[in-house]
Every structure is written in structure tokens, then in C-alpha cells.
Amino acid sequence: MKNHVQKGSSGAIYGLGFIGAVIYFISHASGFWMGALGILKAMVWPAFLVYEALKALGA
């Protein structure tokens, strides 16, 4: 028996979102360290999105 694993496109969507977030944060950075912080923020942007969505929904 073979196990068939289907992979969705969520990795590609996350990757595009990551690239867009990096471009956004770096373009708004005022210095090198703010740009470095922007790269870190870009890695965890889905967590910010979910947090704000749940806060807006009152959950």
C-alpha cells in the first residue's frame, strides 16, 4: 500500500505573503536595524493577522 499525500498551495501563498511583507517592512524601515526587524515581522505576519481577526470578532 502506498500513502498518497496531497499538498495544498498554502506554502506558495505563505511564500508570496512573506515576500510582500518583507518588501513592505523594508521599504518603510528608517534604518538597518528596523529593516532587520521587518524581516522578523515578515516571518510571523500570519500570527498578527489571526490575532487581529479574532480581536475584531470579539473572540
Protein backbone atom coordinates (compact mmCIF):
# COMPACT_ATOMS: atom_id res chain seq x y z
CA MET A 1 0.00 0.00 0.00
CA LYS A 2 1.18 3.46 -0.81
CA ASN A 3 0.27 6.52 1.16
CA HIS A 4 -0.78 9.38 -1.04
CA VAL A 5 -0.16 12.79 0.42
CA GLN A 6 -1.78 15.78 -1.20
CA LYS A 7 -0.08 19.08 -0.60
CA GLY A 8 -2.07 22.24 -1.00
CA SER A 9 -0.92 25.58 -2.23
CA SER A 10 -0.74 27.11 1.23
CA GLY A 11 3.05 27.08 1.13
CA ALA A 12 3.06 29.13 -2.05
CA ILE A 13 0.54 31.58 -0.62
CA TYR A 14 2.60 31.95 2.56
CA GLY A 15 5.74 32.44 0.47
CA LEU A 16 4.18 35.20 -1.61
CA GLY A 17 2.83 36.83 1.53
CA PHE A 18 6.28 36.62 3.13
CA ILE A 19 7.94 38.26 0.13
CA GLY A 20 5.32 41.01 0.07
CA ALA A 21 5.67 41.60 3.81
CA VAL A 22 9.48 41.80 3.55
CA ILE A 23 9.21 44.35 0.75
CA TYR A 24 6.66 46.37 2.73
CA PHE A 25 8.57 46.38 6.02
CA ILE A 26 11.96 47.09 4.42
CA SER A 27 10.58 49.91 2.29
CA HIS A 28 9.17 51.57 5.43
CA ALA A 29 12.29 50.99 7.55
CA SER A 30 14.19 54.05 8.75
CA GLY A 31 17.48 52.22 9.26
CA PHE A 32 19.30 48.91 9.05
CA TRP A 33 18.01 47.51 12.34
CA MET A 34 14.45 48.48 11.54
CA GLY A 35 14.85 46.59 8.26
CA ALA A 36 16.19 43.57 10.14
CA LEU A 37 13.21 43.78 12.49
CA GLY A 38 10.96 43.99 9.43
CA ILE A 39 12.31 40.67 8.17
CA LEU A 40 11.49 39.09 11.53
CA LYS A 41 8.00 40.62 11.45
CA ALA A 42 7.51 39.26 7.94
CA MET A 43 8.16 35.73 9.22
CA VAL A 44 5.32 35.92 11.74
CA TRP A 45 2.78 38.12 9.94
CA PRO A 46 0.12 35.34 9.89
CA ALA A 47 0.10 35.36 13.69
CA PHE A 48 -0.59 39.12 13.70
CA LEU A 49 -3.35 38.63 11.14
CA VAL A 50 -5.11 35.90 13.12
CA TYR A 51 -4.78 37.84 16.38
CA GLU A 52 -6.31 40.98 14.90
CA ALA A 53 -9.08 38.99 13.19
CA LEU A 54 -10.03 37.27 16.43
CA LYS A 55 -9.91 40.56 18.32
CA ALA A 56 -12.20 42.17 15.74
CA LEU A 57 -14.63 39.26 16.01
CA GLY A 58 -14.70 39.56 19.78
CA ALA A 59 -13.47 36.03 20.35
